[in-house]
Amino acid sequence: MNQEIRQEVLNLMDRKERIENEIKELTDVLHSNGVQMNDPLVDAEGYPINSIDIYQVRHARNKIICLQNDHKALMKEIEQGLYGYYSSSNLLANHDVEMEERSNKMVHKLPFAKINIVSDDSPAQFSGLNVGDELVEFGSINKGNFKSLSDIAAVVQHSEGKSLNVKVKRGDQFVTTELRPKRWKGRGLLGCNIIPLE
């Protein structure tokens, strides 16, 4: 039974990595067209912008949204699988190295960006984020796949009104919270300013 759970979790982790790679490739397609998830594809007069491959961009955007939903569901499955595996096996005695290594890859601890402003009454403040918090995970973004702040902007844009898992390093502690990007009286959907770590 244990081997079955173990194999199932390893398979899920492989799928997770494939999805993350595919999202990265599709994001590169958007970048190559000079757009993000929500940039307009037509000019002020409603004509398609010549420099953009509209079909390619629409296809990539749609696929990214689907894949990010799959990724979220997969993370829940992996979490449940790991819980089932660790609770039903005497792992401390066995020291199943491969499994531990693979699960450690999921536990991100290295920050990639920092919050330097949190506005009053903003979604960021309501979620408990503080100035000085260092971002370790922001939805599907982590140190391993973070390239620029536009990655965060893309996640925020299509997570409007939905809960987003955010993990921060605060001093020596790691804190996980739920952030819900939404329109409020101030600018943007978060009400905080994020800067990349040097």
N, C-alpha and C. Protein backbone atom coordinates (compact mmCIF):
# COMPACT_ATOMS: atom_id res chain seq x y z
N MET A 1 0.84 -1.21 0.00
CA MET A 1 0.00 0.00 0.00
C MET A 1 0.88 1.26 0.00
N ASN A 2 1.92 1.22 0.88
CA ASN A 2 2.81 2.37 0.98
C ASN A 2 3.52 2.68 -0.32
N GLN A 3 3.98 1.60 -0.98
CA GLN A 3 4.68 1.78 -2.26
C GLN A 3 3.76 2.41 -3.29
N GLU A 4 2.50 1.99 -3.25
CA GLU A 4 1.52 2.56 -4.21
C GLU A 4 1.34 4.05 -3.98
N ILE A 5 1.18 4.45 -2.70
CA ILE A 5 1.00 5.88 -2.38
C ILE A 5 2.26 6.65 -2.82
N ARG A 6 3.40 6.05 -2.49
CA ARG A 6 4.68 6.70 -2.81
C ARG A 6 4.80 6.93 -4.32
N GLN A 7 4.48 5.88 -5.10
CA GLN A 7 4.59 5.99 -6.55
C GLN A 7 3.61 7.01 -7.10
N GLU A 8 2.42 7.02 -6.51
CA GLU A 8 1.39 7.97 -6.97
C GLU A 8 1.84 9.41 -6.73
N VAL A 9 2.43 9.67 -5.54
CA VAL A 9 2.90 11.02 -5.23
C VAL A 9 4.05 11.42 -6.16
N LEU A 10 4.97 10.49 -6.41
CA LEU A 10 6.08 10.78 -7.33
C LEU A 10 5.55 11.11 -8.73
N ASN A 11 4.53 10.37 -9.17
CA ASN A 11 3.92 10.64 -10.48
C ASN A 11 3.28 12.04 -10.51
N LEU A 12 2.59 12.38 -9.40
CA LEU A 12 1.97 13.71 -9.30
C LEU A 12 3.02 14.81 -9.35
N MET A 13 4.16 14.57 -8.68
CA MET A 13 5.23 15.57 -8.68
C MET A 13 5.82 15.75 -10.08
N ASP A 14 5.92 14.64 -10.81
CA ASP A 14 6.39 14.74 -12.20
C ASP A 14 5.42 15.58 -13.03
N ARG A 15 4.12 15.32 -12.82
CA ARG A 15 3.11 16.09 -13.56
C ARG A 15 3.19 17.57 -13.20
N LYS A 16 3.41 17.84 -11.91
CA LYS A 16 3.53 19.23 -11.43
C LYS A 16 4.70 19.92 -12.14
N GLU A 17 5.83 19.23 -12.23
CA GLU A 17 7.00 19.82 -12.90
C GLU A 17 6.72 20.08 -14.37
N ARG A 18 6.01 19.13 -15.01
CA ARG A 18 5.69 19.30 -16.44
C ARG A 18 4.78 20.52 -16.64
N ILE A 19 3.78 20.66 -15.74
CA ILE A 19 2.86 21.81 -15.83
C ILE A 19 3.62 23.12 -15.64
N GLU A 20 4.52 23.15 -14.64
CA GLU A 20 5.29 24.38 -14.38
C GLU A 20 6.16 24.75 -15.59
N ASN A 21 6.76 23.73 -16.22
CA ASN A 21 7.57 23.98 -17.41
C ASN A 21 6.73 24.51 -18.56
N GLU A 22 5.51 23.94 -18.69
CA GLU A 22 4.63 24.36 -19.78
C GLU A 22 4.16 25.80 -19.56
N ILE A 23 3.83 26.14 -18.29
CA ILE A 23 3.42 27.52 -17.98
C ILE A 23 4.56 28.48 -18.32
N LYS A 24 5.80 28.07 -17.98
CA LYS A 24 6.97 28.91 -18.26
C LYS A 24 7.12 29.13 -19.78
N GLU A 25 6.96 28.05 -20.55
CA GLU A 25 7.08 28.16 -22.01
C GLU A 25 6.00 29.09 -22.58
N LEU A 26 4.77 28.95 -22.08
CA LEU A 26 3.66 29.79 -22.57
C LEU A 26 3.85 31.25 -22.16
N THR A 27 4.41 31.47 -20.95
CA THR A 27 4.71 32.84 -20.51
C THR A 27 5.77 33.45 -21.41
N ASP A 28 6.73 32.64 -21.84
CA ASP A 28 7.76 33.12 -22.77
C ASP A 28 7.13 33.53 -24.11
N VAL A 29 6.08 32.80 -24.53
CA VAL A 29 5.37 33.16 -25.77
C VAL A 29 4.77 34.57 -25.63
N LEU A 30 4.16 34.83 -24.46
CA LEU A 30 3.58 36.17 -24.22
C LEU A 30 4.68 37.22 -24.25
N HIS A 31 5.80 36.92 -23.54
CA HIS A 31 6.90 37.89 -23.48
C HIS A 31 7.46 38.17 -24.88
N SER A 32 7.53 37.13 -25.72
CA SER A 32 8.08 37.32 -27.07
C SER A 32 7.17 38.21 -27.92
N ASN A 33 5.88 38.28 -27.55
CA ASN A 33 4.95 39.17 -28.24
C ASN A 33 4.83 40.53 -27.53
N GLY A 34 5.61 40.68 -26.45
CA GLY A 34 5.62 41.96 -25.72
C GLY A 34 4.38 42.24 -24.90
N VAL A 35 3.67 41.17 -24.49
CA VAL A 35 2.45 41.37 -23.68
C VAL A 35 2.48 40.48 -22.45
N GLN A 36 1.61 40.86 -21.47
CA GLN A 36 1.38 40.04 -20.28
C GLN A 36 -0.01 39.41 -20.42
N MET A 37 -0.55 38.93 -19.30
CA MET A 37 -1.83 38.23 -19.34
C MET A 37 -3.00 39.14 -19.74
N ASN A 38 -2.94 40.43 -19.38
CA ASN A 38 -4.12 41.28 -19.59
C ASN A 38 -3.88 42.50 -20.48
N ASP A 39 -2.73 42.55 -21.15
CA ASP A 39 -2.49 43.68 -22.05
C ASP A 39 -3.44 43.63 -23.24
N PRO A 40 -3.88 44.82 -23.76
CA PRO A 40 -4.79 44.82 -24.91
C PRO A 40 -4.11 44.30 -26.17
N LEU A 41 -4.89 43.67 -27.04
CA LEU A 41 -4.37 43.14 -28.31
C LEU A 41 -4.81 44.00 -29.49
N VAL A 42 -5.61 45.04 -29.19
CA VAL A 42 -6.04 45.95 -30.26
C VAL A 42 -5.65 47.38 -29.89
N ASP A 43 -5.54 48.25 -30.90
CA ASP A 43 -5.16 49.64 -30.62
C ASP A 43 -6.39 50.45 -30.19
N ALA A 44 -6.19 51.76 -30.01
CA ALA A 44 -7.27 52.63 -29.51
C ALA A 44 -8.49 52.64 -30.43
N GLU A 45 -8.27 52.33 -31.71
CA GLU A 45 -9.38 52.34 -32.66
C GLU A 45 -9.98 50.96 -32.88
N GLY A 46 -9.49 50.00 -32.13
CA GLY A 46 -10.06 48.66 -32.21
C GLY A 46 -9.44 47.76 -33.27
N TYR A 47 -8.32 48.20 -33.85
CA TYR A 47 -7.65 47.37 -34.86
C TYR A 47 -6.59 46.49 -34.19
N PRO A 48 -6.42 45.25 -34.68
CA PRO A 48 -5.39 44.38 -34.11
C PRO A 48 -4.00 45.03 -34.22
N ILE A 49 -3.21 44.88 -33.17
CA ILE A 49 -1.85 45.43 -33.18
C ILE A 49 -0.96 44.51 -34.02
N ASN A 50 -0.34 45.08 -35.05
CA ASN A 50 0.44 44.28 -36.02
C ASN A 50 1.56 43.46 -35.40
N SER A 51 2.20 44.00 -34.35
CA SER A 51 3.38 43.33 -33.79
C SER A 51 3.02 42.12 -32.94
N ILE A 52 1.72 41.89 -32.74
CA ILE A 52 1.28 40.79 -31.87
C ILE A 52 0.62 39.69 -32.70
N ASP A 53 1.04 38.45 -32.45
CA ASP A 53 0.36 37.30 -33.05
C ASP A 53 -0.85 37.00 -32.16
N ILE A 54 -1.99 37.59 -32.50
CA ILE A 54 -3.17 37.55 -31.63
C ILE A 54 -3.63 36.12 -31.34
N TYR A 55 -3.66 35.27 -32.37
CA TYR A 55 -4.10 33.89 -32.15
C TYR A 55 -3.18 33.19 -31.15
N GLN A 56 -1.87 33.37 -31.36
CA GLN A 56 -0.87 32.72 -30.50
C GLN A 56 -1.01 33.20 -29.05
N VAL A 57 -1.18 34.52 -28.87
CA VAL A 57 -1.29 35.09 -27.52
C VAL A 57 -2.57 34.63 -26.83
N ARG A 58 -3.70 34.66 -27.56
CA ARG A 58 -4.98 34.22 -26.95
C ARG A 58 -4.90 32.75 -26.53
N HIS A 59 -4.31 31.95 -27.41
CA HIS A 59 -4.17 30.52 -27.11
C HIS A 59 -3.30 30.33 -25.86
N ALA A 60 -2.18 31.06 -25.81
CA ALA A 60 -1.25 30.93 -24.67
C ALA A 60 -1.92 31.38 -23.37
N ARG A 61 -2.64 32.50 -23.42
CA ARG A 61 -3.31 33.00 -22.21
C ARG A 61 -4.33 32.00 -21.69
N ASN A 62 -5.14 31.47 -22.59
CA ASN A 62 -6.17 30.51 -22.20
C ASN A 62 -5.54 29.27 -21.58
N LYS A 63 -4.46 28.80 -22.22
CA LYS A 63 -3.79 27.59 -21.73
C LYS A 63 -3.16 27.82 -20.36
N ILE A 64 -2.57 29.03 -20.15
CA ILE A 64 -1.95 29.35 -18.85
C ILE A 64 -2.99 29.30 -17.74
N ILE A 65 -4.17 29.89 -17.99
CA ILE A 65 -5.23 29.90 -16.97
C ILE A 65 -5.65 28.46 -16.63
N CYS A 66 -5.83 27.63 -17.67
CA CYS A 66 -6.22 26.22 -17.44
C CYS A 66 -5.13 25.50 -16.65
N LEU A 67 -3.87 25.70 -17.05
CA LEU A 67 -2.75 25.00 -16.39
C LEU A 67 -2.59 25.45 -14.94
N GLN A 68 -2.83 26.74 -14.67
CA GLN A 68 -2.69 27.20 -13.29
C GLN A 68 -3.77 26.61 -12.41
N ASN A 69 -4.97 26.40 -12.97
CA ASN A 69 -6.03 25.72 -12.22
C ASN A 69 -5.64 24.26 -11.96
N ASP A 70 -5.08 23.61 -12.99
CA ASP A 70 -4.61 22.22 -12.83
C ASP A 70 -3.53 22.15 -11.76
N HIS A 71 -2.62 23.14 -11.79
CA HIS A 71 -1.49 23.17 -10.85
C HIS A 71 -1.99 23.26 -9.42
N LYS A 72 -3.00 24.12 -9.22
CA LYS A 72 -3.56 24.30 -7.87
C LYS A 72 -4.17 22.99 -7.36
N ALA A 73 -4.95 22.34 -8.23
CA ALA A 73 -5.59 21.07 -7.85
C ALA A 73 -4.54 20.00 -7.57
N LEU A 74 -3.48 20.01 -8.38
CA LEU A 74 -2.41 19.02 -8.24
C LEU A 74 -1.68 19.20 -6.91
N MET A 75 -1.44 20.46 -6.54
CA MET A 75 -0.75 20.73 -5.27
C MET A 75 -1.54 20.16 -4.09
N LYS A 76 -2.88 20.26 -4.19
CA LYS A 76 -3.73 19.71 -3.11
C LYS A 76 -3.60 18.19 -3.06
N GLU A 77 -3.61 17.57 -4.27
CA GLU A 77 -3.47 16.11 -4.34
C GLU A 77 -2.13 15.66 -3.76
N ILE A 78 -1.07 16.39 -4.10
CA ILE A 78 0.28 16.04 -3.62
C ILE A 78 0.32 16.16 -2.10
N GLU A 79 -0.27 17.24 -1.59
CA GLU A 79 -0.29 17.46 -0.14
C GLU A 79 -0.99 16.30 0.56
N GLN A 80 -2.16 15.91 0.01
CA GLN A 80 -2.92 14.80 0.62
C GLN A 80 -2.13 13.49 0.51
N GLY A 81 -1.50 13.30 -0.66
CA GLY A 81 -0.71 12.08 -0.87
C GLY A 81 0.46 11.98 0.08
N LEU A 82 1.16 13.10 0.26
CA LEU A 82 2.31 13.11 1.18
C LEU A 82 1.84 12.84 2.60
N TYR A 83 0.70 13.46 2.96
CA TYR A 83 0.17 13.25 4.31
C TYR A 83 -0.14 11.76 4.51
N GLY A 84 -0.81 11.18 3.50
CA GLY A 84 -1.15 9.75 3.59
C GLY A 84 0.09 8.88 3.66
N TYR A 85 1.10 9.25 2.89
CA TYR A 85 2.33 8.46 2.85
C TYR A 85 3.07 8.52 4.18
N TYR A 86 3.27 9.76 4.67
CA TYR A 86 4.05 9.90 5.89
C TYR A 86 3.32 9.36 7.11
N SER A 87 1.98 9.48 7.12
CA SER A 87 1.25 9.01 8.30
C SER A 87 1.12 7.49 8.30
N SER A 88 1.21 6.87 7.11
CA SER A 88 1.01 5.41 7.10
C SER A 88 2.32 4.63 7.02
N SER A 89 3.44 5.35 7.05
CA SER A 89 4.71 4.61 7.00
C SER A 89 5.62 5.00 8.14
N ASN A 90 6.46 4.09 8.52
CA ASN A 90 7.42 4.39 9.57
C ASN A 90 8.66 4.97 8.88
N LEU A 91 8.49 6.19 8.37
CA LEU A 91 9.52 6.75 7.49
C LEU A 91 10.81 7.06 8.23
N LEU A 92 10.69 7.43 9.49
CA LEU A 92 11.91 7.77 10.22
C LEU A 92 12.84 6.57 10.30
N ALA A 93 12.24 5.39 10.40
CA ALA A 93 13.06 4.18 10.45
C ALA A 93 13.58 3.83 9.06
N ASN A 94 12.75 4.02 8.06
CA ASN A 94 13.13 3.61 6.70
C ASN A 94 14.08 4.57 6.01
N HIS A 95 13.94 5.86 6.32
CA HIS A 95 14.72 6.90 5.62
C HIS A 95 14.63 6.73 4.11
N ASP A 96 13.45 6.92 3.60
CA ASP A 96 13.24 6.83 2.17
C ASP A 96 13.78 8.12 1.53
N VAL A 97 15.03 8.05 1.12
CA VAL A 97 15.76 9.26 0.70
C VAL A 97 15.12 9.93 -0.52
N GLU A 98 14.78 9.12 -1.51
CA GLU A 98 14.24 9.71 -2.74
C GLU A 98 12.98 10.51 -2.46
N MET A 99 12.10 9.92 -1.65
CA MET A 99 10.84 10.58 -1.34
C MET A 99 11.09 11.88 -0.58
N GLU A 100 12.01 11.83 0.38
CA GLU A 100 12.30 13.02 1.17
C GLU A 100 12.87 14.12 0.28
N GLU A 101 13.76 13.72 -0.61
CA GLU A 101 14.38 14.71 -1.51
C GLU A 101 13.32 15.36 -2.39
N ARG A 102 12.43 14.53 -2.95
CA ARG A 102 11.41 15.06 -3.85
C ARG A 102 10.45 15.99 -3.09
N SER A 103 10.09 15.61 -1.86
CA SER A 103 9.15 16.46 -1.12
C SER A 103 9.84 17.73 -0.65
N ASN A 104 11.14 17.65 -0.36
CA ASN A 104 11.86 18.85 0.06
C ASN A 104 11.92 19.87 -1.06
N LYS A 105 11.91 19.38 -2.30
CA LYS A 105 11.92 20.31 -3.43
C LYS A 105 10.68 21.18 -3.42
N MET A 106 9.59 20.63 -2.86
CA MET A 106 8.34 21.38 -2.82
C MET A 106 8.34 22.42 -1.70
N VAL A 107 9.15 22.20 -0.67
CA VAL A 107 9.13 23.11 0.47
C VAL A 107 10.11 24.25 0.17
N HIS A 108 9.57 25.30 -0.42
CA HIS A 108 10.42 26.42 -0.80
C HIS A 108 10.74 27.27 0.43
N LYS A 109 12.03 27.62 0.56
CA LYS A 109 12.44 28.41 1.72
C LYS A 109 13.22 29.65 1.33
N LEU A 110 13.61 29.76 0.04
CA LEU A 110 14.42 30.90 -0.37
C LEU A 110 13.53 32.03 -0.90
N PRO A 111 13.61 33.22 -0.31
CA PRO A 111 12.80 34.33 -0.79
C PRO A 111 13.32 34.88 -2.11
N PHE A 112 12.42 35.50 -2.89
CA PHE A 112 12.82 36.07 -4.17
C PHE A 112 12.41 37.54 -4.31
N ALA A 113 11.56 38.03 -3.41
CA ALA A 113 11.12 39.42 -3.48
C ALA A 113 10.72 39.88 -2.08
N LYS A 114 10.52 41.18 -1.95
CA LYS A 114 10.26 41.75 -0.62
C LYS A 114 9.14 42.79 -0.70
N ILE A 115 8.35 42.88 0.36
CA ILE A 115 7.29 43.89 0.42
C ILE A 115 7.84 45.12 1.14
N ASN A 116 7.80 46.29 0.47
CA ASN A 116 8.34 47.49 1.12
C ASN A 116 7.28 48.55 1.44
N ILE A 117 6.04 48.29 0.97
CA ILE A 117 4.93 49.19 1.33
C ILE A 117 3.67 48.35 1.48
N VAL A 118 2.89 48.59 2.55
CA VAL A 118 1.55 47.99 2.68
C VAL A 118 0.58 49.11 3.03
N SER A 119 -0.41 49.34 2.18
CA SER A 119 -1.36 50.44 2.39
C SER A 119 -2.45 50.04 3.38
N ASP A 120 -2.95 51.04 4.12
CA ASP A 120 -4.04 50.80 5.08
C ASP A 120 -5.31 50.36 4.35
N ASP A 121 -6.04 49.46 4.98
CA ASP A 121 -7.34 48.98 4.47
C ASP A 121 -7.24 48.31 3.10
N SER A 122 -6.07 47.81 2.76
CA SER A 122 -5.86 47.16 1.45
C SER A 122 -6.01 45.65 1.59
N PRO A 123 -6.20 44.94 0.46
CA PRO A 123 -6.24 43.47 0.52
C PRO A 123 -4.97 42.89 1.16
N ALA A 124 -3.82 43.51 0.90
CA ALA A 124 -2.56 43.02 1.47
C ALA A 124 -2.58 43.13 3.00
N GLN A 125 -3.08 44.28 3.50
CA GLN A 125 -3.13 44.46 4.96
C GLN A 125 -4.12 43.47 5.59
N PHE A 126 -5.27 43.28 4.94
CA PHE A 126 -6.27 42.36 5.49
C PHE A 126 -5.74 40.92 5.53
N SER A 127 -4.84 40.59 4.61
CA SER A 127 -4.31 39.22 4.60
C SER A 127 -3.20 39.04 5.63
N GLY A 128 -2.80 40.14 6.28
CA GLY A 128 -1.78 40.02 7.33
C GLY A 128 -0.35 40.23 6.85
N LEU A 129 -0.18 40.70 5.61
CA LEU A 129 1.17 40.95 5.11
C LEU A 129 1.74 42.22 5.73
N ASN A 130 3.05 42.20 6.00
CA ASN A 130 3.72 43.34 6.64
C ASN A 130 4.86 43.86 5.79
N VAL A 131 5.22 45.13 6.01
CA VAL A 131 6.42 45.68 5.38
C VAL A 131 7.62 44.88 5.89
N GLY A 132 8.49 44.50 4.96
CA GLY A 132 9.68 43.72 5.35
C GLY A 132 9.51 42.23 5.12
N ASP A 133 8.24 41.78 4.91
CA ASP A 133 8.03 40.35 4.61
C ASP A 133 8.74 40.01 3.30
N GLU A 134 9.41 38.85 3.28
CA GLU A 134 10.08 38.41 2.06
C GLU A 134 9.27 37.27 1.43
N LEU A 135 8.93 37.42 0.16
CA LEU A 135 8.09 36.43 -0.52
C LEU A 135 8.89 35.16 -0.82
N VAL A 136 8.33 34.03 -0.40
CA VAL A 136 8.93 32.73 -0.68
C VAL A 136 8.10 32.00 -1.74
N GLU A 137 6.77 32.11 -1.60
CA GLU A 137 5.86 31.57 -2.62
C GLU A 137 4.76 32.60 -2.84
N PHE A 138 4.42 32.82 -4.10
CA PHE A 138 3.31 33.72 -4.43
C PHE A 138 2.48 33.00 -5.46
N GLY A 139 1.41 32.30 -5.00
CA GLY A 139 0.67 31.42 -5.92
C GLY A 139 1.64 30.35 -6.41
N SER A 140 1.80 30.24 -7.73
CA SER A 140 2.69 29.21 -8.30
C SER A 140 4.13 29.70 -8.45
N ILE A 141 4.40 30.95 -8.05
CA ILE A 141 5.75 31.50 -8.24
C ILE A 141 6.63 31.23 -7.02
N ASN A 142 7.85 30.83 -7.27
CA ASN A 142 8.83 30.63 -6.21
C ASN A 142 10.21 31.02 -6.75
N LYS A 143 11.21 30.89 -5.91
CA LYS A 143 12.58 31.28 -6.29
C LYS A 143 13.03 30.57 -7.57
N GLY A 144 12.59 29.33 -7.74
CA GLY A 144 13.04 28.53 -8.88
C GLY A 144 12.51 29.00 -10.22
N ASN A 145 11.29 29.60 -10.24
CA ASN A 145 10.74 29.99 -11.55
C ASN A 145 10.49 31.50 -11.68
N PHE A 146 10.88 32.29 -10.65
CA PHE A 146 10.66 33.73 -10.70
C PHE A 146 11.67 34.39 -11.64
N LYS A 147 11.14 35.17 -12.61
CA LYS A 147 12.04 35.89 -13.52
C LYS A 147 11.97 37.39 -13.33
N SER A 148 10.75 37.93 -13.19
CA SER A 148 10.61 39.38 -13.02
C SER A 148 9.28 39.67 -12.34
N LEU A 149 9.10 40.95 -11.94
CA LEU A 149 7.86 41.34 -11.26
C LEU A 149 6.63 41.17 -12.15
N SER A 150 6.85 41.11 -13.47
CA SER A 150 5.70 40.92 -14.37
C SER A 150 5.08 39.53 -14.17
N ASP A 151 5.88 38.55 -13.67
CA ASP A 151 5.33 37.23 -13.35
C ASP A 151 4.27 37.36 -12.25
N ILE A 152 4.62 38.16 -11.22
CA ILE A 152 3.69 38.38 -10.10
C ILE A 152 2.44 39.11 -10.61
N ALA A 153 2.67 40.14 -11.46
CA ALA A 153 1.54 40.91 -11.99
C ALA A 153 0.57 40.01 -12.74
N ALA A 154 1.11 39.05 -13.51
CA ALA A 154 0.25 38.15 -14.29
C ALA A 154 -0.60 37.28 -13.36
N VAL A 155 0.02 36.76 -12.30
CA VAL A 155 -0.71 35.92 -11.35
C VAL A 155 -1.81 36.74 -10.66
N VAL A 156 -1.47 37.97 -10.27
CA VAL A 156 -2.44 38.84 -9.59
C VAL A 156 -3.63 39.13 -10.50
N GLN A 157 -3.34 39.47 -11.76
CA GLN A 157 -4.41 39.84 -12.69
C GLN A 157 -5.45 38.74 -12.84
N HIS A 158 -4.99 37.49 -13.05
CA HIS A 158 -6.01 36.47 -13.29
C HIS A 158 -6.46 35.77 -12.00
N SER A 159 -5.98 36.29 -10.83
CA SER A 159 -6.48 35.76 -9.55
C SER A 159 -7.43 36.75 -8.88
N GLU A 160 -7.85 37.77 -9.64
CA GLU A 160 -8.74 38.78 -9.04
C GLU A 160 -10.00 38.13 -8.48
N GLY A 161 -10.26 38.41 -7.19
CA GLY A 161 -11.45 37.86 -6.54
C GLY A 161 -11.30 36.43 -6.05
N LYS A 162 -10.10 35.84 -6.29
CA LYS A 162 -9.88 34.47 -5.83
C LYS A 162 -8.79 34.46 -4.76
N SER A 163 -8.77 33.41 -3.95
CA SER A 163 -7.75 33.30 -2.91
C SER A 163 -6.43 32.82 -3.51
N LEU A 164 -5.36 33.44 -3.03
CA LEU A 164 -4.03 33.13 -3.52
C LEU A 164 -3.18 32.77 -2.31
N ASN A 165 -2.51 31.63 -2.33
CA ASN A 165 -1.65 31.27 -1.22
C ASN A 165 -0.33 32.03 -1.31
N VAL A 166 0.03 32.70 -0.23
CA VAL A 166 1.29 33.45 -0.19
C VAL A 166 2.08 33.00 1.04
N LYS A 167 3.34 32.63 0.80
CA LYS A 167 4.21 32.22 1.91
C LYS A 167 5.33 33.25 2.02
N VAL A 168 5.53 33.78 3.23
CA VAL A 168 6.58 34.79 3.42
C VAL A 168 7.54 34.37 4.52
N LYS A 169 8.75 34.93 4.42
CA LYS A 169 9.73 34.75 5.50
C LYS A 169 9.69 36.03 6.31
N ARG A 170 9.41 35.89 7.58
CA ARG A 170 9.31 37.04 8.48
C ARG A 170 10.30 36.81 9.62
N GLY A 171 11.46 37.47 9.52
CA GLY A 171 12.52 37.19 10.49
C GLY A 171 13.01 35.77 10.28
N ASP A 172 12.92 34.95 11.35
CA ASP A 172 13.35 33.55 11.24
C ASP A 172 12.16 32.62 10.98
N GLN A 173 10.98 33.19 10.85
CA GLN A 173 9.78 32.35 10.71
C GLN A 173 9.22 32.39 9.30
N PHE A 174 8.49 31.32 8.95
CA PHE A 174 7.77 31.28 7.68
C PHE A 174 6.28 31.36 7.99
N VAL A 175 5.60 32.27 7.30
CA VAL A 175 4.17 32.49 7.54
C VAL A 175 3.42 32.30 6.21
N THR A 176 2.36 31.50 6.23
CA THR A 176 1.54 31.32 5.03
C THR A 176 0.19 31.98 5.25
N THR A 177 -0.26 32.74 4.26
CA THR A 177 -1.53 33.44 4.38
C THR A 177 -2.30 33.37 3.07
N GLU A 178 -3.58 33.73 3.12
CA GLU A 178 -4.39 33.78 1.90
C GLU A 178 -4.59 35.23 1.52
N LEU A 179 -4.22 35.56 0.28
CA LEU A 179 -4.38 36.92 -0.22
C LEU A 179 -5.42 36.89 -1.33
N ARG A 180 -6.35 37.83 -1.29
CA ARG A 180 -7.41 37.88 -2.32
C ARG A 180 -7.29 39.20 -3.09
N PRO A 181 -6.61 39.16 -4.26
CA PRO A 181 -6.50 40.39 -5.06
C PRO A 181 -7.88 40.89 -5.46
N LYS A 182 -8.15 42.18 -5.22
CA LYS A 182 -9.46 42.73 -5.62
C LYS A 182 -9.38 44.25 -5.69
N ARG A 183 -10.39 44.83 -6.32
CA ARG A 183 -10.43 46.28 -6.41
C ARG A 183 -10.81 46.85 -5.05
N TRP A 184 -10.13 47.91 -4.66
CA TRP A 184 -10.41 48.57 -3.37
C TRP A 184 -10.24 50.07 -3.62
N LYS A 185 -10.29 50.89 -2.57
CA LYS A 185 -10.29 52.35 -2.79
C LYS A 185 -8.95 52.86 -3.30
N GLY A 186 -7.87 52.10 -3.08
CA GLY A 186 -6.55 52.53 -3.52
C GLY A 186 -6.17 51.97 -4.88
N ARG A 187 -4.87 52.11 -5.23
CA ARG A 187 -4.39 51.66 -6.54
C ARG A 187 -4.11 50.17 -6.55
N GLY A 188 -4.26 49.57 -7.74
CA GLY A 188 -3.92 48.16 -7.91
C GLY A 188 -4.92 47.23 -7.26
N LEU A 189 -4.56 45.94 -7.22
CA LEU A 189 -5.46 44.93 -6.66
C LEU A 189 -4.96 44.40 -5.31
N LEU A 190 -3.73 44.82 -4.90
CA LEU A 190 -3.15 44.29 -3.67
C LEU A 190 -3.00 45.36 -2.58
N GLY A 191 -2.58 46.57 -3.00
CA GLY A 191 -2.34 47.61 -2.00
C GLY A 191 -1.01 47.42 -1.29
N CYS A 192 -0.06 46.79 -2.00
CA CYS A 192 1.29 46.71 -1.44
C CYS A 192 2.28 46.83 -2.58
N ASN A 193 3.51 47.19 -2.24
CA ASN A 193 4.55 47.31 -3.27
C ASN A 193 5.58 46.20 -3.07
N ILE A 194 5.91 45.52 -4.17
CA ILE A 194 6.83 44.39 -4.10
C ILE A 194 8.07 44.74 -4.92
N ILE A 195 9.24 44.48 -4.34
CA ILE A 195 10.49 44.73 -5.07
C ILE A 195 11.30 43.43 -5.09
N PRO A 196 12.04 43.19 -6.18
CA PRO A 196 12.87 41.96 -6.21
C PRO A 196 13.99 42.06 -5.18
N LEU A 197 14.39 40.92 -4.64
CA LEU A 197 15.55 40.91 -3.75
C LEU A 197 16.82 41.05 -4.57
N GLU A 198 17.77 41.79 -4.05
CA GLU A 198 19.04 41.96 -4.79
C GLU A 198 19.76 40.64 -4.83
